[in-house]
């Protein structure tokens, strides 16, 4: 079982990176692939090794907390690896944990792939299972407010912007990315899609 991989990002796609580890390329699905493009140093990704009948997949995360939350999400009925990955792409782990602990369905249902019933199951199944590994201080009602509609009315961008800010991008960078993207996105685009498009725009300039 692979616990983590450390190497250089050799290639980036919307859903995954290829991590070069001693001249072997590993395809690793990760919440925000373009967020890894900034580093010229070796990248360490904590791995969830997912095996099914027709595929073996690697899912990678920059922190143990992300890896752990991903695995907890997989315990919820109706959430598979791709949906769990979308949740982590749409919200920082501490924000997702705070929303679950506070039964904030408004926040949870704005995450990609999460409807009301799935959000309710997340609360029911995970509320008492998430420990103190996540810094949720100050993430009560304001966390939901940060996902309210922005001035242009696109709710998904509010969620994507929150997650991008968590990666360290400045407001000016995010405003510039949104200006470049807003005329070519669709109303139904999820936060996951918008975040990946924005990261691609931020990476290419």
Protein backbone atom coordinates (compact mmCIF):
# COMPACT_ATOMS: atom_id res chain seq x y z
CA UNK A 1 0.00 0.00 0.00
CA UNK A 2 1.36 3.43 -0.96
CA UNK A 3 1.25 6.01 1.83
CA UNK A 4 2.86 8.94 0.03
CA UNK A 5 4.81 9.81 -3.09
CA UNK A 6 7.47 12.49 -3.42
CA UNK A 7 8.64 13.74 -6.77
CA UNK A 8 8.38 16.42 -9.45
CA UNK A 9 5.20 17.41 -11.25
CA UNK A 10 5.89 16.35 -14.83
CA UNK A 11 2.45 16.98 -16.34
CA UNK A 12 -0.84 18.59 -15.31
CA UNK A 13 -4.39 17.95 -16.46
CA UNK A 14 -7.70 19.27 -15.11
CA UNK A 15 -8.21 16.22 -12.88
CA UNK A 16 -4.74 14.86 -12.19
CA UNK A 17 -1.01 15.37 -12.19
CA UNK A 18 1.73 13.03 -13.34
CA UNK A 19 4.26 12.82 -10.55
CA UNK A 20 7.76 11.82 -11.63
CA UNK A 21 9.25 9.68 -8.86
CA UNK A 22 12.72 8.47 -9.85
CA UNK A 23 11.82 8.34 -13.55
CA UNK A 24 8.51 6.59 -12.99
CA UNK A 25 5.40 8.65 -13.76
CA UNK A 26 2.44 8.17 -11.42
CA UNK A 27 -0.96 9.52 -12.44
CA UNK A 28 -2.40 11.00 -9.26
CA UNK A 29 -5.89 12.47 -9.08
CA UNK A 30 -5.87 15.49 -6.79
CA UNK A 31 -8.39 18.17 -5.78
CA UNK A 32 -6.57 21.09 -7.39
CA UNK A 33 -3.91 19.96 -9.86
CA UNK A 34 -2.91 23.44 -11.01
CA UNK A 35 -2.32 24.44 -7.40
CA UNK A 36 0.78 22.24 -7.52
CA UNK A 37 2.25 24.05 -10.50
CA UNK A 38 3.82 26.85 -8.47
CA UNK A 39 6.47 24.69 -6.86
CA UNK A 40 9.77 23.92 -8.56
CA UNK A 41 10.74 21.75 -5.60
CA UNK A 42 9.75 18.10 -5.13
CA UNK A 43 6.10 17.71 -4.17
CA UNK A 44 4.93 15.26 -1.52
CA UNK A 45 1.43 13.86 -1.92
CA UNK A 46 -0.25 11.66 0.67
CA UNK A 47 -1.90 8.85 -1.24
CA UNK A 48 -5.18 6.99 -1.08
CA UNK A 49 -4.79 3.79 -3.11
CA UNK A 50 -8.19 2.94 -4.58
CA UNK A 51 -8.71 -0.49 -6.12
CA UNK A 52 -11.79 -1.63 -7.99
CA UNK A 53 -12.48 -4.39 -10.50
CA UNK A 54 -11.72 -2.34 -13.59
CA UNK A 55 -9.14 0.18 -12.34
CA UNK A 56 -6.44 0.99 -9.83
CA UNK A 57 -6.34 4.71 -9.04
CA UNK A 58 -4.17 6.96 -6.90
CA UNK A 59 -5.65 9.99 -5.16
CA UNK A 60 -3.18 12.45 -3.71
CA UNK A 61 -3.35 15.22 -1.12
CA UNK A 62 -0.91 17.82 0.14
CA UNK A 63 -1.73 17.22 3.82
CA UNK A 64 -2.60 14.30 6.09
CA UNK A 65 -5.76 16.20 7.05
CA UNK A 66 -7.00 16.21 3.45
CA UNK A 67 -6.14 12.54 3.07
CA UNK A 68 -7.98 11.69 6.27
CA UNK A 69 -11.08 13.70 5.39
CA UNK A 70 -11.17 12.11 1.93
CA UNK A 71 -11.23 8.67 3.54
CA UNK A 72 -13.95 9.72 5.98
CA UNK A 73 -16.07 11.01 3.10
CA UNK A 74 -15.80 7.63 1.41
CA UNK A 75 -17.57 6.11 4.42
CA UNK A 76 -20.72 8.07 3.56
CA UNK A 77 -23.27 6.20 1.44
CA UNK A 78 -23.47 7.75 -2.01
CA UNK A 79 -20.02 9.34 -1.96
CA UNK A 80 -17.37 7.77 -4.16
CA UNK A 81 -13.81 8.89 -4.80
CA UNK A 82 -14.68 11.44 -7.50
CA UNK A 83 -17.38 13.12 -5.41
CA UNK A 84 -15.10 13.16 -2.36
CA UNK A 85 -12.39 14.73 -4.49
CA UNK A 86 -14.85 17.37 -5.67
CA UNK A 87 -15.76 18.20 -2.07
CA UNK A 88 -12.11 18.86 -1.27
CA UNK A 89 -11.74 20.90 -4.44
CA UNK A 90 -14.72 23.04 -3.50
CA UNK A 91 -13.92 23.72 0.15
CA UNK A 92 -10.95 23.71 2.48
CA UNK A 93 -10.94 20.72 4.88
CA UNK A 94 -11.48 22.86 7.96
CA UNK A 95 -14.46 24.59 6.32
CA UNK A 96 -16.02 21.28 5.30
CA UNK A 97 -15.49 19.84 8.78
CA UNK A 98 -16.98 22.95 10.41
CA UNK A 99 -20.02 22.73 8.15
CA UNK A 100 -20.55 19.06 9.04
CA UNK A 101 -20.15 19.68 12.77
CA UNK A 102 -22.53 22.64 12.65
CA UNK A 103 -25.02 20.84 10.36
CA UNK A 104 -24.64 23.63 7.83
CA UNK A 105 -26.52 22.10 4.90
CA UNK A 106 -26.43 25.39 2.98
CA UNK A 107 -22.64 25.19 2.77
CA UNK A 108 -22.52 21.47 2.05
CA UNK A 109 -25.06 21.52 -0.78
CA UNK A 110 -22.98 24.14 -2.60
CA UNK A 111 -20.12 21.69 -2.86
CA UNK A 112 -19.89 19.84 -6.21
CA UNK A 113 -21.85 16.61 -6.34
CA UNK A 114 -23.56 17.11 -2.97
CA UNK A 115 -27.34 17.28 -2.83
CA UNK A 116 -29.51 17.75 0.23
CA UNK A 117 -29.86 14.04 1.04
CA UNK A 118 -26.13 13.41 0.71
CA UNK A 119 -25.39 16.45 2.86
CA UNK A 120 -27.73 15.10 5.53
CA UNK A 121 -25.96 11.73 5.41
CA UNK A 122 -22.61 13.48 5.76
CA UNK A 123 -23.80 15.16 8.93
CA UNK A 124 -25.38 11.98 10.30
CA UNK A 125 -22.41 9.73 9.53
CA UNK A 126 -19.49 12.06 10.24
CA UNK A 127 -20.48 14.69 12.77
CA UNK A 128 -19.17 12.68 15.72
CA UNK A 129 -16.25 11.08 13.86
CA UNK A 130 -14.24 14.18 12.96
CA UNK A 131 -11.65 14.91 15.62
CA UNK A 132 -9.61 17.99 16.50
CA UNK A 133 -7.17 17.68 13.59
CA UNK A 134 -8.83 20.57 11.78
CA UNK A 135 -8.64 24.21 12.84
CA UNK A 136 -12.31 25.18 12.67
CA UNK A 137 -12.06 28.15 15.03
CA UNK A 138 -14.02 31.08 13.66
CA UNK A 139 -15.59 29.00 10.91
CA UNK A 140 -19.18 29.10 12.10
CA UNK A 141 -21.74 31.26 10.32
CA UNK A 142 -19.08 33.27 8.45
CA UNK A 143 -18.10 30.13 6.54
CA UNK A 144 -21.58 29.99 5.06
CA UNK A 145 -21.54 33.70 4.38
CA UNK A 146 -18.34 33.32 2.38
CA UNK A 147 -20.23 31.00 0.05
CA UNK A 148 -23.10 33.41 -0.54
CA UNK A 149 -23.73 34.81 -4.00
CA UNK A 150 -21.07 37.22 -5.26
CA UNK A 151 -21.95 40.46 -7.02
CA UNK A 152 -22.16 38.77 -10.42
CA UNK A 153 -24.61 36.15 -9.14
CA UNK A 154 -22.53 33.01 -9.77
CA UNK A 155 -22.71 30.91 -6.61
CA UNK A 156 -20.17 28.35 -7.81
CA UNK A 157 -17.51 31.03 -8.23
CA UNK A 158 -17.97 32.07 -4.60
CA UNK A 159 -17.15 28.53 -3.50
CA UNK A 160 -14.26 28.23 -5.94
CA UNK A 161 -12.84 31.59 -4.88
CA UNK A 162 -12.96 30.58 -1.21
CA UNK A 163 -10.98 27.43 -1.93
CA UNK A 164 -8.46 29.31 -4.10
CA UNK A 165 -7.94 31.88 -1.37
CA UNK A 166 -7.18 28.96 0.94
CA UNK A 167 -4.36 27.99 -1.44
CA UNK A 168 -2.79 31.41 -0.94
CA UNK A 169 -3.96 33.30 -4.02
CA UNK A 170 -4.51 37.04 -3.49
CA UNK A 171 -7.75 38.90 -4.24
CA UNK A 172 -6.16 40.75 -7.15
CA UNK A 173 -5.08 37.45 -8.76
CA UNK A 174 -8.55 35.96 -8.30
CA UNK A 175 -10.29 39.04 -9.68
CA UNK A 176 -8.08 38.90 -12.75
CA UNK A 177 -8.79 35.19 -13.26
CA UNK A 178 -12.54 35.74 -12.91
CA UNK A 179 -12.47 38.57 -15.44
CA UNK A 180 -10.82 36.23 -17.94
CA UNK A 181 -13.24 33.37 -17.25
CA UNK A 182 -16.68 34.84 -16.59
CA UNK A 183 -17.73 35.31 -20.22
CA UNK A 184 -17.03 31.70 -21.21
CA UNK A 185 -18.35 29.66 -18.30
CA UNK A 186 -21.76 28.04 -18.04
CA UNK A 187 -24.35 28.74 -15.37
CA UNK A 188 -24.34 25.06 -14.37
CA UNK A 189 -20.55 24.85 -13.94
CA UNK A 190 -19.69 23.47 -10.50
CA UNK A 191 -17.17 25.00 -8.07
CA UNK A 192 -14.84 22.12 -8.94
CA UNK A 193 -14.91 23.00 -12.65
CA UNK A 194 -14.50 26.72 -12.02
CA UNK A 195 -11.65 26.17 -9.62
CA UNK A 196 -9.73 24.05 -12.09
CA UNK A 197 -10.34 26.55 -14.89
CA UNK A 198 -9.21 29.38 -12.65
CA UNK A 199 -6.07 27.50 -11.62
CA UNK A 200 -5.30 26.89 -15.27
CA UNK A 201 -5.75 30.62 -15.95
CA UNK A 202 -3.59 31.58 -12.96
CA UNK A 203 -0.91 29.16 -14.05
CA UNK A 204 -0.78 30.30 -17.68
CA UNK A 205 -1.33 33.97 -16.87
